[in-house]
Amino acid sequence: MYLVELTSGKEAVYRSVDEFTAAIRRSEVSSQARIYHRASSRWIPVTLHPQFRKVAAEWAAEPPRPLLRTQWTFYRADTAERAPGPYEAAGERASTEATATRTMPARSWRSVLGGLIGHHQG
C-alpha cells in the first residue's frame, strides 16, 4: 500500500505497485509529490522511491515524440495573403522620392542641451 501526498494537497492511496505505476504514468503522481515512508514514519519526496525512478528512467529512454507542427514562426509563412500597401491599392507604385529619407547632420550634445534649456549659441 502506498500513501502519496499529491501536489494538489490531496492524499491518495494506491493498493498495489501496478496502481502506483499507472498513476505515475498518467502524471497523477508528479515529481513534486511526497510518499509516506512507514519505516521512518515521515514524508519523503516521491523521487526517492525506486518505482518512481524506474518509470522516470523509462520516460528518458523513450524517443521524443514527433512535433505536431512542421514550421515554427511568429510570422505568417504564406505571403500570398499579404494586404496591399496604400500605393498598391490604388494601382500605383510608390516612387523613390516618396520613400527616400533625408539625413540630417549630427548635432553636438551642447547644441541639443542648449536648445532644451533655451540658450542659443551665437
N, C-alpha and C. Protein backbone atom coordinates (compact mmCIF):
# COMPACT_ATOMS: atom_id res chain seq x y z
N MET A 1 0.84 -1.16 0.00
CA MET A 1 0.00 0.00 0.00
C MET A 1 0.90 1.24 0.00
N TYR A 2 0.52 2.23 -0.82
CA TYR A 2 1.30 3.45 -0.97
C TYR A 2 0.41 4.65 -0.64
N LEU A 3 0.83 5.44 0.34
CA LEU A 3 0.13 6.68 0.69
C LEU A 3 0.94 7.83 0.10
N VAL A 4 0.32 8.56 -0.82
CA VAL A 4 1.02 9.61 -1.55
C VAL A 4 0.29 10.92 -1.35
N GLU A 5 1.06 11.97 -1.04
CA GLU A 5 0.51 13.32 -0.97
C GLU A 5 0.77 13.97 -2.32
N LEU A 6 -0.28 14.21 -3.07
CA LEU A 6 -0.17 14.78 -4.41
C LEU A 6 0.14 16.27 -4.32
N THR A 7 0.54 16.86 -5.40
CA THR A 7 0.89 18.28 -5.40
C THR A 7 -0.32 19.16 -5.13
N SER A 8 -1.50 18.68 -5.37
CA SER A 8 -2.70 19.47 -5.13
C SER A 8 -3.06 19.52 -3.64
N GLY A 9 -2.31 18.80 -2.80
CA GLY A 9 -2.57 18.79 -1.36
C GLY A 9 -3.44 17.63 -0.92
N LYS A 10 -3.95 16.87 -1.87
CA LYS A 10 -4.77 15.71 -1.54
C LYS A 10 -3.88 14.50 -1.30
N GLU A 11 -4.38 13.57 -0.50
CA GLU A 11 -3.68 12.32 -0.29
C GLU A 11 -4.39 11.22 -1.07
N ALA A 12 -3.60 10.35 -1.67
CA ALA A 12 -4.15 9.24 -2.45
C ALA A 12 -3.52 7.95 -1.96
N VAL A 13 -4.32 6.89 -1.97
CA VAL A 13 -3.84 5.57 -1.55
C VAL A 13 -3.85 4.66 -2.77
N TYR A 14 -2.72 4.03 -3.02
CA TYR A 14 -2.60 3.07 -4.11
C TYR A 14 -2.33 1.71 -3.47
N ARG A 15 -3.19 0.76 -3.78
CA ARG A 15 -3.16 -0.53 -3.09
C ARG A 15 -2.11 -1.50 -3.63
N SER A 16 -1.58 -1.24 -4.81
CA SER A 16 -0.58 -2.17 -5.37
C SER A 16 0.45 -1.37 -6.16
N VAL A 17 1.52 -2.06 -6.50
CA VAL A 17 2.58 -1.46 -7.32
C VAL A 17 2.03 -1.08 -8.70
N ASP A 18 1.15 -1.92 -9.24
CA ASP A 18 0.58 -1.63 -10.55
C ASP A 18 -0.26 -0.35 -10.53
N GLU A 19 -1.06 -0.16 -9.48
CA GLU A 19 -1.85 1.07 -9.36
C GLU A 19 -0.94 2.28 -9.24
N PHE A 20 0.09 2.16 -8.43
CA PHE A 20 1.04 3.25 -8.22
C PHE A 20 1.76 3.60 -9.52
N THR A 21 2.21 2.59 -10.24
CA THR A 21 2.90 2.79 -11.51
C THR A 21 1.97 3.44 -12.54
N ALA A 22 0.73 2.99 -12.60
CA ALA A 22 -0.24 3.58 -13.53
C ALA A 22 -0.48 5.05 -13.21
N ALA A 23 -0.53 5.39 -11.92
CA ALA A 23 -0.74 6.79 -11.53
C ALA A 23 0.46 7.65 -11.93
N ILE A 24 1.64 7.10 -11.83
CA ILE A 24 2.84 7.83 -12.26
C ILE A 24 2.81 8.05 -13.76
N ARG A 25 2.46 7.03 -14.52
CA ARG A 25 2.44 7.13 -15.98
C ARG A 25 1.40 8.10 -16.50
N ARG A 26 0.29 8.23 -15.82
CA ARG A 26 -0.72 9.19 -16.27
C ARG A 26 -0.55 10.56 -15.62
N SER A 27 0.63 10.77 -15.01
CA SER A 27 1.04 12.05 -14.42
C SER A 27 0.17 12.49 -13.26
N GLU A 28 -0.50 11.57 -12.64
CA GLU A 28 -1.26 11.88 -11.43
C GLU A 28 -0.28 12.10 -10.28
N VAL A 29 0.79 11.32 -10.25
CA VAL A 29 1.86 11.47 -9.27
C VAL A 29 3.04 12.10 -9.99
N SER A 30 3.35 13.36 -9.63
CA SER A 30 4.46 14.06 -10.29
C SER A 30 5.68 14.05 -9.39
N SER A 31 6.75 14.62 -9.87
CA SER A 31 7.99 14.64 -9.10
C SER A 31 7.91 15.54 -7.87
N GLN A 32 6.90 16.39 -7.78
CA GLN A 32 6.74 17.24 -6.61
C GLN A 32 5.94 16.56 -5.49
N ALA A 33 5.39 15.39 -5.75
CA ALA A 33 4.60 14.67 -4.75
C ALA A 33 5.50 14.09 -3.67
N ARG A 34 4.87 13.73 -2.55
CA ARG A 34 5.61 13.08 -1.45
C ARG A 34 4.93 11.76 -1.13
N ILE A 35 5.71 10.81 -0.65
CA ILE A 35 5.20 9.49 -0.29
C ILE A 35 5.53 9.24 1.18
N TYR A 36 4.62 8.56 1.86
CA TYR A 36 4.83 8.27 3.29
C TYR A 36 5.71 7.04 3.43
N HIS A 37 6.80 7.21 4.16
CA HIS A 37 7.74 6.11 4.40
C HIS A 37 7.45 5.55 5.78
N ARG A 38 6.91 4.33 5.82
CA ARG A 38 6.47 3.75 7.10
C ARG A 38 7.62 3.48 8.06
N ALA A 39 8.75 3.00 7.55
CA ALA A 39 9.87 2.64 8.43
C ALA A 39 10.38 3.84 9.20
N SER A 40 10.43 5.00 8.58
CA SER A 40 10.91 6.20 9.28
C SER A 40 9.77 7.07 9.79
N SER A 41 8.53 6.71 9.46
CA SER A 41 7.33 7.45 9.88
C SER A 41 7.41 8.93 9.48
N ARG A 42 7.76 9.17 8.22
CA ARG A 42 7.78 10.55 7.73
C ARG A 42 7.53 10.58 6.23
N TRP A 43 7.25 11.78 5.74
CA TRP A 43 7.02 12.00 4.32
C TRP A 43 8.36 12.26 3.64
N ILE A 44 8.59 11.61 2.51
CA ILE A 44 9.80 11.81 1.73
C ILE A 44 9.41 12.13 0.29
N PRO A 45 10.30 12.76 -0.48
CA PRO A 45 9.98 13.03 -1.89
C PRO A 45 9.77 11.73 -2.66
N VAL A 46 8.80 11.71 -3.52
CA VAL A 46 8.48 10.51 -4.29
C VAL A 46 9.61 10.15 -5.25
N THR A 47 10.47 11.13 -5.56
CA THR A 47 11.59 10.86 -6.46
C THR A 47 12.61 9.91 -5.84
N LEU A 48 12.54 9.69 -4.55
CA LEU A 48 13.43 8.74 -3.89
C LEU A 48 12.92 7.31 -3.98
N HIS A 49 11.65 7.12 -4.35
CA HIS A 49 11.07 5.78 -4.41
C HIS A 49 11.59 5.05 -5.65
N PRO A 50 12.00 3.78 -5.50
CA PRO A 50 12.57 3.04 -6.64
C PRO A 50 11.59 2.85 -7.81
N GLN A 51 10.30 2.70 -7.53
CA GLN A 51 9.33 2.52 -8.61
C GLN A 51 9.18 3.80 -9.43
N PHE A 52 9.19 4.94 -8.76
CA PHE A 52 9.11 6.22 -9.47
C PHE A 52 10.35 6.39 -10.35
N ARG A 53 11.52 6.05 -9.81
CA ARG A 53 12.76 6.15 -10.58
C ARG A 53 12.73 5.24 -11.80
N LYS A 54 12.14 4.06 -11.64
CA LYS A 54 12.06 3.10 -12.75
C LYS A 54 11.22 3.68 -13.89
N VAL A 55 10.05 4.24 -13.55
CA VAL A 55 9.17 4.83 -14.57
C VAL A 55 9.83 6.05 -15.20
N ALA A 56 10.52 6.87 -14.39
CA ALA A 56 11.21 8.04 -14.93
C ALA A 56 12.32 7.62 -15.89
N ALA A 57 13.00 6.53 -15.59
CA ALA A 57 14.05 6.02 -16.48
C ALA A 57 13.44 5.54 -17.81
N GLU A 58 12.24 4.96 -17.75
CA GLU A 58 11.56 4.54 -18.99
C GLU A 58 11.23 5.75 -19.85
N TRP A 59 10.81 6.85 -19.23
CA TRP A 59 10.50 8.07 -19.98
C TRP A 59 11.75 8.61 -20.66
N ALA A 60 12.87 8.56 -19.94
CA ALA A 60 14.11 9.08 -20.51
C ALA A 60 14.61 8.21 -21.66
N ALA A 61 14.32 6.92 -21.63
CA ALA A 61 14.78 6.00 -22.67
C ALA A 61 13.93 6.07 -23.94
N GLU A 62 12.69 6.55 -23.82
CA GLU A 62 11.81 6.64 -24.98
C GLU A 62 12.30 7.73 -25.93
N PRO A 63 12.15 7.51 -27.24
CA PRO A 63 12.50 8.58 -28.17
C PRO A 63 11.49 9.72 -28.04
N PRO A 64 11.91 10.94 -28.33
CA PRO A 64 10.98 12.07 -28.21
C PRO A 64 9.83 11.93 -29.19
N ARG A 65 8.69 12.43 -28.78
CA ARG A 65 7.50 12.39 -29.64
C ARG A 65 7.68 13.35 -30.81
N PRO A 66 7.12 13.02 -31.98
CA PRO A 66 7.25 13.93 -33.13
C PRO A 66 6.46 15.22 -32.88
N LEU A 67 6.97 16.30 -33.43
CA LEU A 67 6.31 17.59 -33.28
C LEU A 67 5.06 17.62 -34.14
N LEU A 68 4.05 18.30 -33.65
CA LEU A 68 2.79 18.40 -34.39
C LEU A 68 2.91 19.40 -35.54
N ARG A 69 3.76 20.39 -35.39
CA ARG A 69 3.92 21.41 -36.43
C ARG A 69 5.20 21.16 -37.21
N THR A 70 5.20 21.53 -38.45
CA THR A 70 6.40 21.38 -39.26
C THR A 70 7.14 22.70 -39.42
N GLN A 71 6.49 23.80 -39.09
CA GLN A 71 7.11 25.11 -39.25
C GLN A 71 6.79 25.96 -38.03
N TRP A 72 7.80 26.53 -37.41
CA TRP A 72 7.61 27.37 -36.23
C TRP A 72 8.04 28.79 -36.55
N THR A 73 7.12 29.70 -36.41
CA THR A 73 7.43 31.09 -36.67
C THR A 73 6.39 31.96 -36.00
N PHE A 74 6.77 33.20 -35.74
CA PHE A 74 5.82 34.16 -35.20
C PHE A 74 5.10 34.89 -36.33
N TYR A 75 5.62 34.78 -37.53
CA TYR A 75 5.05 35.46 -38.68
C TYR A 75 4.35 34.46 -39.58
N ARG A 76 3.47 34.96 -40.37
CA ARG A 76 2.78 34.09 -41.31
C ARG A 76 3.76 33.59 -42.35
N ALA A 77 3.68 32.32 -42.66
CA ALA A 77 4.60 31.73 -43.62
C ALA A 77 4.16 32.03 -45.05
N ASP A 78 2.87 32.16 -45.27
CA ASP A 78 2.39 32.40 -46.63
C ASP A 78 2.30 33.90 -46.88
N THR A 79 2.92 34.35 -47.94
CA THR A 79 2.91 35.77 -48.26
C THR A 79 1.87 36.11 -49.31
N ALA A 80 1.16 35.12 -49.80
CA ALA A 80 0.16 35.36 -50.84
C ALA A 80 -1.02 36.17 -50.31
N GLU A 81 -1.29 36.08 -49.03
CA GLU A 81 -2.43 36.78 -48.45
C GLU A 81 -2.03 38.11 -47.83
N ARG A 82 -0.93 38.69 -48.27
CA ARG A 82 -0.44 39.95 -47.74
C ARG A 82 -1.39 41.07 -48.15
N ALA A 83 -1.64 41.97 -47.25
CA ALA A 83 -2.52 43.10 -47.56
C ALA A 83 -1.76 44.10 -48.43
N PRO A 84 -2.41 44.66 -49.44
CA PRO A 84 -1.72 45.62 -50.30
C PRO A 84 -1.43 46.91 -49.54
N GLY A 85 -0.33 47.56 -49.92
CA GLY A 85 0.04 48.83 -49.30
C GLY A 85 -0.84 49.95 -49.80
N PRO A 86 -0.68 51.17 -49.30
CA PRO A 86 -1.56 52.27 -49.69
C PRO A 86 -1.40 52.66 -51.16
N TYR A 87 -0.20 52.53 -51.71
CA TYR A 87 0.01 52.87 -53.12
C TYR A 87 -0.42 51.73 -54.03
N GLU A 88 -0.24 50.50 -53.57
CA GLU A 88 -0.62 49.34 -54.38
C GLU A 88 -2.13 49.21 -54.50
N ALA A 89 -2.85 49.65 -53.49
CA ALA A 89 -4.30 49.56 -53.52
C ALA A 89 -4.87 50.44 -54.63
N ALA A 90 -4.23 51.56 -54.88
CA ALA A 90 -4.69 52.47 -55.93
C ALA A 90 -4.12 52.10 -57.29
N GLY A 91 -3.32 51.06 -57.34
CA GLY A 91 -2.77 50.62 -58.61
C GLY A 91 -1.50 51.36 -58.98
N GLU A 92 -0.93 52.09 -58.04
CA GLU A 92 0.28 52.84 -58.30
C GLU A 92 1.45 52.20 -57.58
N ARG A 93 2.61 52.52 -58.01
CA ARG A 93 3.82 52.09 -57.34
C ARG A 93 4.36 53.28 -56.56
N ALA A 94 4.90 53.01 -55.41
CA ALA A 94 5.50 54.08 -54.62
C ALA A 94 6.77 54.56 -55.32
N SER A 95 6.90 55.85 -55.43
CA SER A 95 8.08 56.39 -56.11
C SER A 95 9.25 56.43 -55.13
N THR A 96 10.45 56.50 -55.68
CA THR A 96 11.64 56.52 -54.82
C THR A 96 11.72 57.81 -54.03
N GLU A 97 11.18 58.91 -54.57
CA GLU A 97 11.21 60.18 -53.84
C GLU A 97 10.33 60.11 -52.59
N ALA A 98 9.21 59.42 -52.68
CA ALA A 98 8.29 59.36 -51.55
C ALA A 98 8.82 58.48 -50.43
N THR A 99 9.64 57.52 -50.74
CA THR A 99 10.12 56.61 -49.71
C THR A 99 11.53 56.92 -49.24
N ALA A 100 12.22 57.87 -49.92
CA ALA A 100 13.58 58.19 -49.51
C ALA A 100 13.55 58.97 -48.21
N THR A 101 14.58 58.79 -47.40
CA THR A 101 14.67 59.52 -46.14
C THR A 101 15.79 60.54 -46.24
N ARG A 102 15.64 61.65 -45.58
CA ARG A 102 16.66 62.67 -45.57
C ARG A 102 17.58 62.44 -44.38
N THR A 103 18.83 62.70 -44.59
CA THR A 103 19.77 62.59 -43.48
C THR A 103 20.12 63.98 -43.01
N MET A 104 20.09 64.16 -41.73
CA MET A 104 20.42 65.44 -41.12
C MET A 104 21.82 65.35 -40.56
N PRO A 105 22.58 66.45 -40.60
CA PRO A 105 23.90 66.40 -39.99
C PRO A 105 23.77 66.23 -38.48
N ALA A 106 24.71 65.52 -37.91
CA ALA A 106 24.68 65.26 -36.47
C ALA A 106 24.90 66.55 -35.71
N ARG A 107 24.18 66.72 -34.62
CA ARG A 107 24.33 67.90 -33.78
C ARG A 107 25.14 67.53 -32.55
N SER A 108 25.87 68.46 -32.04
CA SER A 108 26.65 68.20 -30.84
C SER A 108 25.72 68.16 -29.63
N TRP A 109 26.19 67.56 -28.57
CA TRP A 109 25.37 67.46 -27.37
C TRP A 109 25.18 68.82 -26.72
N ARG A 110 26.12 69.73 -26.93
CA ARG A 110 25.98 71.08 -26.37
C ARG A 110 24.84 71.83 -27.05
N SER A 111 24.73 71.68 -28.36
CA SER A 111 23.65 72.39 -29.06
C SER A 111 22.29 71.79 -28.72
N VAL A 112 22.26 70.48 -28.49
CA VAL A 112 20.99 69.83 -28.11
C VAL A 112 20.57 70.30 -26.73
N LEU A 113 21.50 70.29 -25.76
CA LEU A 113 21.16 70.73 -24.41
C LEU A 113 20.87 72.23 -24.39
N GLY A 114 21.61 73.00 -25.17
CA GLY A 114 21.34 74.44 -25.23
C GLY A 114 19.95 74.74 -25.77
N GLY A 115 19.52 73.95 -26.75
CA GLY A 115 18.17 74.12 -27.30
C GLY A 115 17.10 73.75 -26.31
N LEU A 116 17.37 72.76 -25.47
CA LEU A 116 16.40 72.35 -24.46
C LEU A 116 16.28 73.37 -23.34
N ILE A 117 17.41 73.93 -22.96
CA ILE A 117 17.42 74.90 -21.86
C ILE A 117 16.92 76.25 -22.33
N GLY A 118 17.15 76.58 -23.58
CA GLY A 118 16.71 77.84 -24.10
C GLY A 118 17.86 78.79 -24.40
N HIS A 119 19.07 78.32 -24.24
CA HIS A 119 20.23 79.13 -24.54
C HIS A 119 20.64 78.87 -25.99
N HIS A 120 20.97 79.89 -26.64
CA HIS A 120 21.41 79.76 -28.04
C HIS A 120 22.88 80.14 -28.11
N GLN A 121 23.60 79.38 -28.85
CA GLN A 121 24.99 79.74 -29.07
C GLN A 121 25.06 80.65 -30.28
N GLY A 122 25.87 81.64 -30.21
CA GLY A 122 25.87 82.57 -31.31
C GLY A 122 27.16 82.97 -31.83
